[in-house]
PDB file of N, CA and C in Angstrom:
ATOM      1  N   MET A   1       1.074  -1.140  -0.143  1.00  0.00           N
ATOM      2  CA  MET A   1      -0.090   0.165   0.408  1.00  0.00           C
ATOM      3  C   MET A   1       0.953   1.160   0.233  1.00  0.00           C
ATOM      4  N   PRO A   2       0.649   2.328  -1.563  1.00  0.00           N
ATOM      5  CA  PRO A   2       1.322   3.305  -1.297  1.00  0.00           C
ATOM      6  C   PRO A   2       1.104   4.230   0.653  1.00  0.00           C
ATOM      7  N   SER A   3       2.761   5.179   0.698  1.00  0.00           N
ATOM      8  CA  SER A   3       2.456   6.176   1.994  1.00  0.00           C
ATOM      9  C   SER A   3       1.151   7.010   1.744  1.00  0.00           C
ATOM     10  N   VAL A   4       0.894   7.757   2.079  1.00  0.00           N
ATOM     11  CA  VAL A   4       0.276   8.677   2.137  1.00  0.00           C
ATOM     12  C   VAL A   4       1.054  10.084   2.827  1.00  0.00           C
ATOM     13  N   PRO A   5       1.650  11.228   1.688  1.00  0.00           N
ATOM     14  CA  PRO A   5       2.403  12.290   2.664  1.00  0.00           C
ATOM     15  C   PRO A   5       2.005  12.902   3.246  1.00  0.00           C
ATOM     16  N   LEU A   6       2.482  12.968   5.037  1.00  0.00           N
ATOM     17  CA  LEU A   6       2.412  13.785   5.783  1.00  0.00           C
ATOM     18  C   LEU A   6       1.529  14.844   5.177  1.00  0.00           C
ATOM     19  N   TRP A   7       2.122  16.167   4.755  1.00  0.00           N
ATOM     20  CA  TRP A   7       0.757  17.450   4.457  1.00  0.00           C
ATOM     21  C   TRP A   7      -0.410  16.557   3.774  1.00  0.00           C
ATOM     22  N   PHE A   8      -0.925  15.750   3.489  1.00  0.00           N
ATOM     23  CA  PHE A   8      -2.382  15.058   2.969  1.00  0.00           C
ATOM     24  C   PHE A   8      -3.201  14.974   4.112  1.00  0.00           C
ATOM     25  N   THR A   9      -2.356  14.790   5.219  1.00  0.00           N
ATOM     26  CA  THR A   9      -2.951  13.972   6.400  1.00  0.00           C
ATOM     27  C   THR A   9      -2.784  15.162   7.481  1.00  0.00           C
ATOM     28  N   SER A  10      -2.287  16.549   7.006  1.00  0.00           N
ATOM     29  CA  SER A  10      -2.413  17.330   8.374  1.00  0.00           C
ATOM     30  C   SER A  10      -4.126  18.178   8.462  1.00  0.00           C
ATOM     31  N   SER A  11      -3.878  18.824   9.750  1.00  0.00           N
ATOM     32  CA  SER A  11      -5.476  19.530  10.407  1.00  0.00           C
ATOM     33  C   SER A  11      -5.497  20.532   9.438  1.00  0.00           C
ATOM     34  N   SER A  12      -4.255  21.108   8.807  1.00  0.00           N
ATOM     35  CA  SER A  12      -4.915  22.682   8.251  1.00  0.00           C
ATOM     36  C   SER A  12      -4.936  22.051   6.525  1.00  0.00           C
ATOM     37  N   PHE A  13      -4.706  20.763   5.799  1.00  0.00           N
ATOM     38  CA  PHE A  13      -5.265  20.604   5.088  1.00  0.00           C
ATOM     39  C   PHE A  13      -6.242  19.744   4.787  1.00  0.00           C
ATOM     40  N   ALA A  14      -7.132  19.336   6.104  1.00  0.00           N
ATOM     41  CA  ALA A  14      -8.083  18.996   6.272  1.00  0.00           C
ATOM     42  C   ALA A  14      -9.243  19.988   6.432  1.00  0.00           C
ATOM     43  N   LEU A  15      -8.716  21.216   6.570  1.00  0.00           N
ATOM     44  CA  LEU A  15      -9.600  22.352   6.887  1.00  0.00           C
ATOM     45  C   LEU A  15      -9.979  22.682   5.682  1.00  0.00           C
ATOM     46  N   THR A  16      -8.930  23.295   5.091  1.00  0.00           N
ATOM     47  CA  THR A  16      -8.475  23.848   3.418  1.00  0.00           C
ATOM     48  C   THR A  16      -9.752  22.719   2.804  1.00  0.00           C
ATOM     49  N   ARG A  17      -9.304  21.734   2.712  1.00  0.00           N
ATOM     50  CA  ARG A  17     -10.241  20.870   2.239  1.00  0.00           C
ATOM     51  C   ARG A  17     -12.225  20.717   2.615  1.00  0.00           C
ATOM     52  N   TYR A  18     -12.171  21.054   3.903  1.00  0.00           N
ATOM     53  CA  TYR A  18     -13.432  21.387   4.397  1.00  0.00           C
ATOM     54  C   TYR A  18     -14.479  22.859   4.052  1.00  0.00           C
ATOM     55  N   LYS A  19     -12.681  23.391   3.921  1.00  0.00           N
ATOM     56  CA  LYS A  19     -13.512  25.454   3.529  1.00  0.00           C
ATOM     57  C   LYS A  19     -14.055  24.952   1.698  1.00  0.00           C
ATOM     58  N   PHE A  20     -13.272  23.926   1.550  1.00  0.00           N
ATOM     59  CA  PHE A  20     -13.460  23.833  -0.229  1.00  0.00           C
ATOM     60  C   PHE A  20     -14.908  22.898  -0.648  1.00  0.00           C
ATOM     61  N   LEU A  21     -15.386  22.376   0.191  1.00  0.00           N
ATOM     62  CA  LEU A  21     -16.290  21.812   0.529  1.00  0.00           C
ATOM     63  C   LEU A  21     -17.411  22.190   0.495  1.00  0.00           C
ATOM     64  N   TRP A  22     -16.963  23.234   1.385  1.00  0.00           N
ATOM     65  CA  TRP A  22     -18.068  24.180   2.259  1.00  0.00           C
ATOM     66  C   TRP A  22     -19.301  24.673   1.013  1.00  0.00           C
ATOM     67  N   GLN A  23     -17.512  25.305   0.278  1.00  0.00           N
ATOM     68  CA  GLN A  23     -18.307  26.696  -1.097  1.00  0.00           C
ATOM     69  C   GLN A  23     -18.363  25.931  -2.473  1.00  0.00           C
ATOM     70  N   ILE A  24     -17.967  24.563  -2.317  1.00  0.00           N
ATOM     71  CA  ILE A  24     -19.297  23.909  -3.340  1.00  0.00           C
ATOM     72  C   ILE A  24     -20.535  23.841  -3.437  1.00  0.00           C
ATOM     73  N   ALA A  25     -20.364  23.926  -2.076  1.00  0.00           N
ATOM     74  CA  ALA A  25     -22.180  22.886  -1.370  1.00  0.00           C
ATOM     75  C   ALA A  25     -22.657  24.457  -1.414  1.00  0.00           C
ATOM     76  N   GLU A  26     -22.166  26.068  -0.761  1.00  0.00           N
ATOM     77  CA  GLU A  26     -22.823  26.886  -0.739  1.00  0.00           C
ATOM     78  C   GLU A  26     -23.301  27.303  -2.469  1.00  0.00           C
ATOM     79  N   ILE A  27     -22.041  26.912  -3.458  1.00  0.00           N
ATOM     80  CA  ILE A  27     -22.398  28.073  -4.911  1.00  0.00           C
ATOM     81  C   ILE A  27     -23.615  26.467  -5.110  1.00  0.00           C
ATOM     82  N   ASP A  28     -23.438  25.434  -5.226  1.00  0.00           N
ATOM     83  CA  ASP A  28     -24.912  24.755  -5.518  1.00  0.00           C
ATOM     84  C   ASP A  28     -26.183  25.561  -5.287  1.00  0.00           C
ATOM     85  N   ILE A  29     -25.899  25.530  -3.859  1.00  0.00           N
ATOM     86  CA  ILE A  29     -27.661  26.191  -3.354  1.00  0.00           C
ATOM     87  C   ILE A  29     -27.725  27.430  -4.138  1.00  0.00           C
ATOM     88  N   LYS A  30     -26.629  28.666  -3.752  1.00  0.00           N
ATOM     89  CA  LYS A  30     -27.646  29.731  -4.330  1.00  0.00           C
ATOM     90  C   LYS A  30     -27.518  29.702  -5.883  1.00  0.00           C
ATOM     91  N   TYR A  31     -26.694  28.548  -6.555  1.00  0.00           N
ATOM     92  CA  TYR A  31     -27.091  28.461  -8.189  1.00  0.00           C
ATOM     93  C   TYR A  31     -28.532  27.678  -8.536  1.00  0.00           C
ATOM     94  N   SER A  32     -28.965  26.776  -7.869  1.00  0.00           N
ATOM     95  CA  SER A  32     -29.504  26.092  -8.276  1.00  0.00           C
ATOM     96  C   SER A  32     -30.564  26.535  -9.211  1.00  0.00           C
ATOM     97  N   GLY A  33     -30.986  27.094  -8.844  1.00  0.00           N
ATOM     98  CA  GLY A  33     -32.200  27.805  -9.314  1.00  0.00           C
ATOM     99  C   GLY A  33     -32.105  28.043 -10.607  1.00  0.00           C
ATOM    100  N   TYR A  34     -31.047  28.936 -10.676  1.00  0.00           N
ATOM    101  CA  TYR A  34     -31.161  29.280 -11.907  1.00  0.00           C
ATOM    102  C   TYR A  34     -30.239  28.452 -12.878  1.00  0.00           C
ATOM    103  N   LEU A  35     -29.728  27.872 -12.548  1.00  0.00           N
ATOM    104  CA  LEU A  35     -29.192  26.542 -13.143  1.00  0.00           C
ATOM    105  C   LEU A  35     -30.826  25.350 -13.730  1.00  0.00           C
ATOM    106  N   GLN A  36     -31.405  25.327 -12.782  1.00  0.00           N
ATOM    107  CA  GLN A  36     -32.525  24.427 -13.252  1.00  0.00           C
ATOM    108  C   GLN A  36     -33.630  25.333 -14.333  1.00  0.00           C
ATOM    109  N   ARG A  37     -33.554  26.536 -14.020  1.00  0.00           N
ATOM    110  CA  ARG A  37     -34.415  27.409 -15.051  1.00  0.00           C
ATOM    111  C   ARG A  37     -33.550  27.350 -16.316  1.00  0.00           C
ATOM    112  N   GLN A  38     -32.043  27.476 -16.111  1.00  0.00           N
ATOM    113  CA  GLN A  38     -31.350  27.393 -17.376  1.00  0.00           C
ATOM    114  C   GLN A  38     -31.681  25.884 -17.925  1.00  0.00           C
ATOM    115  N   GLN A  39     -31.741  25.016 -17.583  1.00  0.00           N
ATOM    116  CA  GLN A  39     -31.847  23.720 -17.878  1.00  0.00           C
ATOM    117  C   GLN A  39     -33.404  23.464 -18.053  1.00  0.00           C
ATOM    118  N   ASN A  40     -34.632  24.005 -17.803  1.00  0.00           N
ATOM    119  CA  ASN A  40     -35.616  24.013 -18.482  1.00  0.00           C
ATOM    120  C   ASN A  40     -35.500  24.494 -20.129  1.00  0.00           C
ATOM    121  N   GLN A  41     -35.051  25.729 -19.593  1.00  0.00           N
ATOM    122  CA  GLN A  41     -35.015  26.040 -21.376  1.00  0.00           C
ATOM    123  C   GLN A  41     -34.425  25.439 -22.185  1.00  0.00           C
ATOM    124  N   ILE A  42     -33.508  25.193 -21.734  1.00  0.00           N
ATOM    125  CA  ILE A  42     -32.603  24.161 -23.255  1.00  0.00           C
ATOM    126  C   ILE A  42     -32.853  23.510 -23.043  1.00  0.00           C
ATOM    127  N   ASP A  43     -33.927  22.522 -21.644  1.00  0.00           N
ATOM    128  CA  ASP A  43     -34.719  21.380 -22.904  1.00  0.00           C
ATOM    129  C   ASP A  43     -36.140  21.397 -23.787  1.00  0.00           C
ATOM    130  N   GLN A  44     -36.855  23.184 -23.472  1.00  0.00           N
ATOM    131  CA  GLN A  44     -37.963  23.434 -23.942  1.00  0.00           C
ATOM    132  C   GLN A  44     -37.381  23.734 -25.369  1.00  0.00           C
ATOM    133  N   VAL A  45     -36.236  24.432 -25.849  1.00  0.00           N
ATOM    134  CA  VAL A  45     -35.828  24.707 -27.337  1.00  0.00           C
ATOM    135  C   VAL A  45     -35.367  23.263 -27.690  1.00  0.00           C
ATOM    136  N   ALA A  46     -34.780  21.885 -26.882  1.00  0.00           N
ATOM    137  CA  ALA A  46     -34.250  20.975 -27.626  1.00  0.00           C
ATOM    138  C   ALA A  46     -35.969  20.377 -28.301  1.00  0.00           C
ATOM    139  N   ARG A  47     -36.764  20.381 -27.092  1.00  0.00           N
ATOM    140  CA  ARG A  47     -38.436  19.965 -27.559  1.00  0.00           C
ATOM    141  C   ARG A  47     -38.739  20.533 -28.339  1.00  0.00           C
ATOM    142  N   GLN A  48     -38.601  21.743 -28.922  1.00  0.00           N
ATOM    143  CA  GLN A  48     -39.088  22.648 -30.145  1.00  0.00           C
ATOM    144  C   GLN A  48     -38.224  22.911 -31.478  1.00  0.00           C
ATOM    145  N   SER A  49     -37.395  21.856 -31.109  1.00  0.00           N
ATOM    146  CA  SER A  49     -36.354  21.826 -31.955  1.00  0.00           C
ATOM    147  C   SER A  49     -36.615  21.930 -33.401  1.00  0.00           C
ATOM    148  N   ASN A  50     -38.052  21.742 -34.013  1.00  0.00           N
ATOM    149  CA  ASN A  50     -38.542  21.008 -35.391  1.00  0.00           C
ATOM    150  C   ASN A  50     -39.754  21.997 -35.099  1.00  0.00           C
ATOM    151  N   ARG A  51     -39.892  22.700 -34.055  1.00  0.00           N
ATOM    152  CA  ARG A  51     -41.341  23.471 -34.917  1.00  0.00           C
ATOM    153  C   ARG A  51     -41.040  24.757 -36.336  1.00  0.00           C
ATOM    154  N   GLN A  52     -42.071  24.714 -36.595  1.00  0.00           N
ATOM    155  CA  GLN A  52     -41.894  25.389 -38.388  1.00  0.00           C
ATOM    156  C   GLN A  52     -41.825  26.988 -37.626  1.00  0.00           C
ATOM    157  N   LEU A  53     -41.339  27.609 -38.575  1.00  0.00           N
ATOM    158  CA  LEU A  53     -40.566  29.322 -38.463  1.00  0.00           C
ATOM    159  C   LEU A  53     -41.854  29.698 -39.994  1.00  0.00           C
ATOM    160  N   SER A  54     -42.477  30.180 -39.731  1.00  0.00           N
ATOM    161  CA  SER A  54     -43.280  31.039 -41.537  1.00  0.00           C
ATOM    162  C   SER A  54     -42.099  31.900 -41.543  1.00  0.00           C
ATOM    163  N   PRO A  55     -41.766  31.412 -43.309  1.00  0.00           N
ATOM    164  CA  PRO A  55     -40.663  31.547 -44.068  1.00  0.00           C
ATOM    165  C   PRO A  55     -41.727  33.527 -44.823  1.00  0.00           C
ATOM    166  N   ASN A  56     -42.350  33.939 -43.807  1.00  0.00           N
ATOM    167  CA  ASN A  56     -42.701  35.509 -43.947  1.00  0.00           C
ATOM    168  C   ASN A  56     -42.837  35.787 -42.239  1.00  0.00           C
ATOM    169  N   LEU A  57     -42.758  35.645 -41.085  1.00  0.00           N
ATOM    170  CA  LEU A  57     -42.094  35.386 -40.759  1.00  0.00           C
ATOM    171  C   LEU A  57     -41.638  36.935 -40.161  1.00  0.00           C
ATOM    172  N   ASP A  58     -41.755  38.534 -39.145  1.00  0.00           N
ATOM    173  CA  ASP A  58     -40.718  39.343 -39.721  1.00  0.00           C
ATOM    174  C   ASP A  58     -40.169  39.619 -38.154  1.00  0.00           C
ATOM    175  N   TYR A  59     -38.818  39.296 -38.743  1.00  0.00           N
ATOM    176  CA  TYR A  59     -38.205  38.978 -37.120  1.00  0.00           C
ATOM    177  C   TYR A  59     -37.821  40.690 -36.968  1.00  0.00           C
ATOM    178  N   HIS A  60     -38.191  41.788 -37.612  1.00  0.00           N
ATOM    179  CA  HIS A  60     -38.059  43.331 -37.212  1.00  0.00           C
ATOM    180  C   HIS A  60     -38.964  43.250 -36.389  1.00  0.00           C
ATOM    181  N   ALA A  61     -40.273  43.008 -36.364  1.00  0.00           N
ATOM    182  CA  ALA A  61     -41.207  42.844 -35.759  1.00  0.00           C
ATOM    183  C   ALA A  61     -41.364  42.731 -34.366  1.00  0.00           C
ATOM    184  N   ILE A  62     -40.212  41.231 -33.487  1.00  0.00           N
ATOM    185  CA  ILE A  62     -39.958  40.515 -32.709  1.00  0.00           C
ATOM    186  C   ILE A  62     -38.872  42.035 -31.744  1.00  0.00           C
ATOM    187  N   PRO A  63     -39.370  43.145 -31.205  1.00  0.00           N
ATOM    188  CA  PRO A  63     -38.512  43.675 -30.140  1.00  0.00           C
ATOM    189  C   PRO A  63     -37.658  43.735 -29.555  1.00  0.00           C
ATOM    190  N   THR A  64     -37.814  42.274 -28.366  1.00  0.00           N
ATOM    191  CA  THR A  64     -36.971  41.861 -27.597  1.00  0.00           C
ATOM    192  C   THR A  64     -35.786  40.706 -27.950  1.00  0.00           C
ATOM    193  N   LEU A  65     -35.928  40.298 -29.813  1.00  0.00           N
ATOM    194  CA  LEU A  65     -33.905  39.857 -30.209  1.00  0.00           C
ATOM    195  C   LEU A  65     -33.405  41.111 -30.370  1.00  0.00           C
ATOM    196  N   SER A  66     -32.109  40.716 -30.187  1.00  0.00           N
ATOM    197  CA  SER A  66     -31.126  41.217 -30.647  1.00  0.00           C
ATOM    198  C   SER A  66     -31.559  42.107 -31.784  1.00  0.00           C
ATOM    199  N   MET A  67     -30.474  42.926 -32.424  1.00  0.00           N
ATOM    200  CA  MET A  67     -30.494  43.235 -33.735  1.00  0.00           C
ATOM    201  C   MET A  67     -30.114  43.064 -34.795  1.00  0.00           C
ATOM    202  N   GLU A  68     -28.567  42.030 -33.795  1.00  0.00           N
ATOM    203  CA  GLU A  68     -27.814  41.101 -35.335  1.00  0.00           C
ATOM    204  C   GLU A  68     -29.112  39.720 -35.350  1.00  0.00           C
ATOM    205  N   ALA A  69     -29.539  39.306 -34.235  1.00  0.00           N
ATOM    206  CA  ALA A  69     -30.581  38.342 -34.155  1.00  0.00           C
ATOM    207  C   ALA A  69     -31.557  38.923 -35.377  1.00  0.00           C
ATOM    208  N   ARG A  70     -31.995  40.084 -35.596  1.00  0.00           N
ATOM    209  CA  ARG A  70     -32.744  40.430 -36.581  1.00  0.00           C
ATOM    210  C   ARG A  70     -32.692  40.260 -38.028  1.00  0.00           C
ATOM    211  N   GLU A  71     -31.185  40.265 -38.163  1.00  0.00           N
ATOM    212  CA  GLU A  71     -30.322  40.642 -39.011  1.00  0.00           C
ATOM    213  C   GLU A  71     -30.571  39.539 -39.483  1.00  0.00           C
ATOM    214  N   LYS A  72     -29.675  38.464 -39.120  1.00  0.00           N
ATOM    215  CA  LYS A  72     -28.948  36.885 -39.181  1.00  0.00           C
ATOM    216  C   LYS A  72     -30.457  36.725 -39.988  1.00  0.00           C
ATOM    217  N   LEU A  73     -31.671  36.453 -38.580  1.00  0.00           N
ATOM    218  CA  LEU A  73     -32.913  35.375 -39.105  1.00  0.00           C
ATOM    219  C   LEU A  73     -32.970  35.877 -40.367  1.00  0.00           C
ATOM    220  N   THR A  74     -33.542  37.407 -40.638  1.00  0.00           N
ATOM    221  CA  THR A  74     -34.347  37.948 -41.848  1.00  0.00           C
ATOM    222  C   THR A  74     -33.331  37.266 -43.059  1.00  0.00           C
ATOM    223  N   LYS A  75     -32.293  37.482 -42.991  1.00  0.00           N
ATOM    224  CA  LYS A  75     -31.421  36.820 -44.046  1.00  0.00           C
ATOM    225  C   LYS A  75     -31.161  35.308 -44.224  1.00  0.00           C
ATOM    226  N   VAL A  76     -30.823  34.449 -43.475  1.00  0.00           N
ATOM    227  CA  VAL A  76     -31.510  33.173 -43.425  1.00  0.00           C
ATOM    228  C   VAL A  76     -32.621  32.606 -43.896  1.00  0.00           C
ATOM    229  N   LYS A  77     -33.376  33.151 -43.128  1.00  0.00           N
ATOM    230  CA  LYS A  77     -34.755  32.739 -43.141  1.00  0.00           C
ATOM    231  C   LYS A  77     -35.061  31.351 -42.677  1.00  0.00           C
ATOM    232  N   PRO A  78     -34.973  30.712 -41.692  1.00  0.00           N
ATOM    233  CA  PRO A  78     -34.828  29.435 -41.583  1.00  0.00           C
ATOM    234  C   PRO A  78     -36.383  28.717 -41.465  1.00  0.00           C
ATOM    235  N   LEU A  79     -36.109  27.724 -41.674  1.00  0.00           N
ATOM    236  CA  LEU A  79     -37.668  26.931 -41.769  1.00  0.00           C
ATOM    237  C   LEU A  79     -37.688  26.188 -40.111  1.00  0.00           C
ATOM    238  N   THR A  80     -36.912  26.466 -39.034  1.00  0.00           N
ATOM    239  CA  THR A  80     -37.113  25.517 -37.501  1.00  0.00           C
ATOM    240  C   THR A  80     -36.515  26.652 -36.940  1.00  0.00           C
ATOM    241  N   LEU A  81     -37.158  26.350 -35.750  1.00  0.00           N
ATOM    242  CA  LEU A  81     -36.463  27.118 -34.835  1.00  0.00           C
ATOM    243  C   LEU A  81     -35.185  26.248 -34.411  1.00  0.00           C
ATOM    244  N   GLY A  82     -34.670  24.621 -34.733  1.00  0.00           N
ATOM    245  CA  GLY A  82     -33.688  24.851 -34.794  1.00  0.00           C
ATOM    246  C   GLY A  82     -32.553  25.157 -35.240  1.00  0.00           C
ATOM    247  N   GLN A  83     -33.058  25.519 -36.888  1.00  0.00           N
ATOM    248  CA  GLN A  83     -32.313  25.622 -37.731  1.00  0.00           C
ATOM    249  C   GLN A  83     -31.875  27.735 -37.102  1.00  0.00           C
ATOM    250  N   ALA A  84     -32.799  27.718 -36.858  1.00  0.00           N
ATOM    251  CA  ALA A  84     -32.460  29.588 -35.591  1.00  0.00           C
ATOM    252  C   ALA A  84     -31.857  29.466 -35.187  1.00  0.00           C
ATOM    253  N   ALA A  85     -31.919  28.658 -34.425  1.00  0.00           N
ATOM    254  CA  ALA A  85     -30.439  28.438 -33.409  1.00  0.00           C
ATOM    255  C   ALA A  85     -28.879  28.126 -33.603  1.00  0.00           C
ATOM    256  N   ARG A  86     -28.722  27.848 -34.597  1.00  0.00           N
ATOM    257  CA  ARG A  86     -27.793  27.211 -35.221  1.00  0.00           C
ATOM    258  C   ARG A  86     -26.853  27.885 -36.472  1.00  0.00           C
ATOM    259  N   ILE A  87     -27.084  29.707 -36.156  1.00  0.00           N
ATOM    260  CA  ILE A  87     -27.412  30.423 -37.116  1.00  0.00           C
ATOM    261  C   ILE A  87     -25.909  31.019 -35.415  1.00  0.00           C
ATOM    262  N   GLY A  88     -24.663  31.892 -36.557  1.00  0.00           N
ATOM    263  CA  GLY A  88     -24.271  32.671 -35.319  1.00  0.00           C
ATOM    264  C   GLY A  88     -24.636  33.468 -35.359  1.00  0.00           C
ATOM    265  N   GLY A  89     -24.527  34.662 -34.533  1.00  0.00           N
ATOM    266  CA  GLY A  89     -24.914  35.709 -34.123  1.00  0.00           C
ATOM    267  C   GLY A  89     -26.397  35.460 -33.290  1.00  0.00           C
ATOM    268  N   VAL A  90     -26.750  34.890 -32.786  1.00  0.00           N
ATOM    269  CA  VAL A  90     -28.229  33.800 -32.553  1.00  0.00           C
ATOM    270  C   VAL A  90     -27.900  33.139 -31.206  1.00  0.00           C
ATOM    271  N   ASN A  91     -27.832  34.291 -30.312  1.00  0.00           N
ATOM    272  CA  ASN A  91     -27.942  33.110 -29.201  1.00  0.00           C
ATOM    273  C   ASN A  91     -29.002  32.519 -27.987  1.00  0.00           C
ATOM    274  N   PRO A  92     -28.797  31.925 -27.534  1.00  0.00           N
ATOM    275  CA  PRO A  92     -29.744  31.532 -26.753  1.00  0.00           C
ATOM    276  C   PRO A  92     -30.879  32.301 -25.879  1.00  0.00           C
ATOM    277  N   ALA A  93     -30.817  33.717 -25.682  1.00  0.00           N
ATOM    278  CA  ALA A  93     -31.697  34.443 -25.572  1.00  0.00           C
ATOM    279  C   ALA A  93     -32.780  34.990 -26.486  1.00  0.00           C
ATOM    280  N   ASP A  94     -32.201  35.020 -27.686  1.00  0.00           N
ATOM    281  CA  ASP A  94     -32.620  35.455 -28.858  1.00  0.00           C
ATOM    282  C   ASP A  94     -33.762  34.069 -29.139  1.00  0.00           C
ATOM    283  N   ILE A  95     -33.215  32.952 -28.400  1.00  0.00           N
ATOM    284  CA  ILE A  95     -34.018  31.450 -29.217  1.00  0.00           C
ATOM    285  C   ILE A  95     -35.439  31.662 -27.957  1.00  0.00           C
ATOM    286  N   ASN A  96     -35.044  31.383 -27.191  1.00  0.00           N
ATOM    287  CA  ASN A  96     -35.835  31.514 -26.090  1.00  0.00           C
ATOM    288  C   ASN A  96     -36.756  33.198 -26.232  1.00  0.00           C
ATOM    289  N   ALA A  97     -36.246  34.320 -26.713  1.00  0.00           N
ATOM    290  CA  ALA A  97     -37.465  35.501 -27.075  1.00  0.00           C
ATOM    291  C   ALA A  97     -38.170  34.509 -28.282  1.00  0.00           C
ATOM    292  N   LEU A  98     -37.486  34.229 -29.247  1.00  0.00           N
ATOM    293  CA  LEU A  98     -38.590  34.010 -30.127  1.00  0.00           C
ATOM    294  C   LEU A  98     -39.187  32.702 -30.145  1.00  0.00           C
ATOM    295  N   LEU A  99     -39.384  31.423 -28.845  1.00  0.00           N
ATOM    296  CA  LEU A  99     -40.150  31.062 -28.441  1.00  0.00           C
ATOM    297  C   LEU A  99     -41.780  31.761 -28.020  1.00  0.00           C
ATOM    298  N   ILE A 100     -40.969  32.668 -26.859  1.00  0.00           N
ATOM    299  CA  ILE A 100     -42.173  33.224 -26.451  1.00  0.00           C
ATOM    300  C   ILE A 100     -43.138  34.324 -27.501  1.00  0.00           C
ATOM    301  N   TYR A 101     -42.589  34.859 -28.541  1.00  0.00           N
ATOM    302  CA  TYR A 101     -43.308  35.448 -29.391  1.00  0.00           C
ATOM    303  C   TYR A 101     -44.151  34.222 -30.363  1.00  0.00           C
ATOM    304  N   LEU A 102     -43.426  33.332 -30.288  1.00  0.00           N
ATOM    305  CA  LEU A 102     -44.883  32.149 -31.104  1.00  0.00           C
ATOM    306  C   LEU A 102     -45.622  31.540 -30.430  1.00  0.00           C
ATOM    307  N   GLU A 103     -45.261  31.604 -29.552  1.00  0.00           N
ATOM    308  CA  GLU A 103     -46.359  31.105 -28.183  1.00  0.00           C
ATOM    309  C   GLU A 103     -47.693  32.312 -28.362  1.00  0.00           C
ATOM    310  N   LEU A 104     -46.992  33.456 -27.810  1.00  0.00           N
ATOM    311  CA  LEU A 104     -47.967  34.114 -27.613  1.00  0.00           C
ATOM    312  C   LEU A 104     -48.396  34.440 -28.962  1.00  0.00           C
ATOM    313  N   HIS A 105     -47.880  34.293 -29.877  1.00  0.00           N
ATOM    314  CA  HIS A 105     -48.511  34.967 -31.302  1.00  0.00           C
ATOM    315  C   HIS A 105     -50.212  34.015 -31.003  1.00  0.00           C
ATOM    316  N   ASN A 106     -49.465  32.319 -31.142  1.00  0.00           N
ATOM    317  CA  ASN A 106     -50.457  31.095 -31.540  1.00  0.00           C
ATOM    318  C   ASN A 106     -51.821  31.569 -30.415  1.00  0.00           C
ATOM    319  N   ARG A 107     -51.242  31.721 -29.122  1.00  0.00           N
ATOM    320  CA  ARG A 107     -52.477  31.967 -28.343  1.00  0.00           C
ATOM    321  C   ARG A 107     -53.472  33.393 -28.958  1.00  0.00           C
ATOM    322  N   GLN A 108     -52.936  34.082 -29.542  1.00  0.00           N
ATOM    323  CA  GLN A 108     -53.490  35.095 -30.145  1.00  0.00           C
ATOM    324  C   GLN A 108     -54.513  35.302 -31.106  1.00  0.00           C
ATOM    325  N   GLN A 109     -54.192  34.163 -31.919  1.00  0.00           N
ATOM    326  CA  GLN A 109     -54.821  33.484 -33.159  1.00  0.00           C
ATOM    327  C   GLN A 109     -55.360  33.161 -32.589  1.00  0.00           C
ATOM    328  N   SER A 110     -55.365  32.277 -31.261  1.00  0.00           N
ATOM    329  CA  SER A 110     -56.736  30.956 -31.339  1.00  0.00           C
ATOM    330  C   SER A 110     -57.300  31.665 -30.533  1.00  0.00           C
ATOM    331  N   ALA A 111     -57.303  32.967 -29.554  1.00  0.00           N
ATOM    332  CA  ALA A 111     -58.349  33.591 -29.270  1.00  0.00           C
ATOM    333  C   ALA A 111     -59.198  34.136 -30.698  1.00  0.00           C
ATOM    334  N   THR A 112     -58.650  34.900 -31.803  1.00  0.00           N
ATOM    335  CA  THR A 112     -59.251  35.776 -32.685  1.00  0.00           C
ATOM    336  C   THR A 112     -60.281  34.383 -33.225  1.00  0.00           C
ATOM    337  N   LEU A 113     -59.386  33.142 -33.182  1.00  0.00           N
ATOM    338  CA  LEU A 113     -60.723  32.222 -34.215  1.00  0.00           C
ATOM    339  C   LEU A 113     -61.786  31.683 -33.235  1.00  0.00           C
ATOM    340  N   ALA A 114     -61.705  31.500 -31.801  1.00  0.00           N
ATOM    341  CA  ALA A 114     -62.742  30.944 -30.862  1.00  0.00           C
ATOM    342  C   ALA A 114     -63.821  32.312 -30.586  1.00  0.00           C
ATOM    343  N   LYS A 115     -63.400  34.081 -30.849  1.00  0.00           N
ATOM    344  CA  LYS A 115     -64.556  34.288 -31.127  1.00  0.00           C
ATOM    345  C   LYS A 115     -65.095  34.695 -32.148  1.00  0.00           C
ATOM    346  N   SER A 116     -64.859  34.150 -33.668  1.00  0.00           N
ATOM    347  CA  SER A 116     -65.008  34.389 -35.025  1.00  0.00           C
ATOM    348  C   SER A 116     -66.593  32.485 -34.157  1.00  0.00           C
TER     349      SER A 116
END
């Protein structure tokens, strides 16, 4: 059996290791909600990656998209949300904003059809 270095068993090393583990636990607790929300957004985009986008969609009418995303999406005209997510210059926040816009747009159309 290999011998363990003396510094590895010293009380100062144990205290340092304890502090390090405490910091990891503290960070996990502080950011767990944020990380879970991010994971939910990633999962939602993955589930919606085959969602069709209208070729006539006016990306400049979506104010929550970054200007770069508006320009790139208008130029490329992706057919699905997955294609849009893979365009350089279109970040995850833009994809999330696009998802929200599409959901709101669909709800407004459904409400209009229900009134008719």
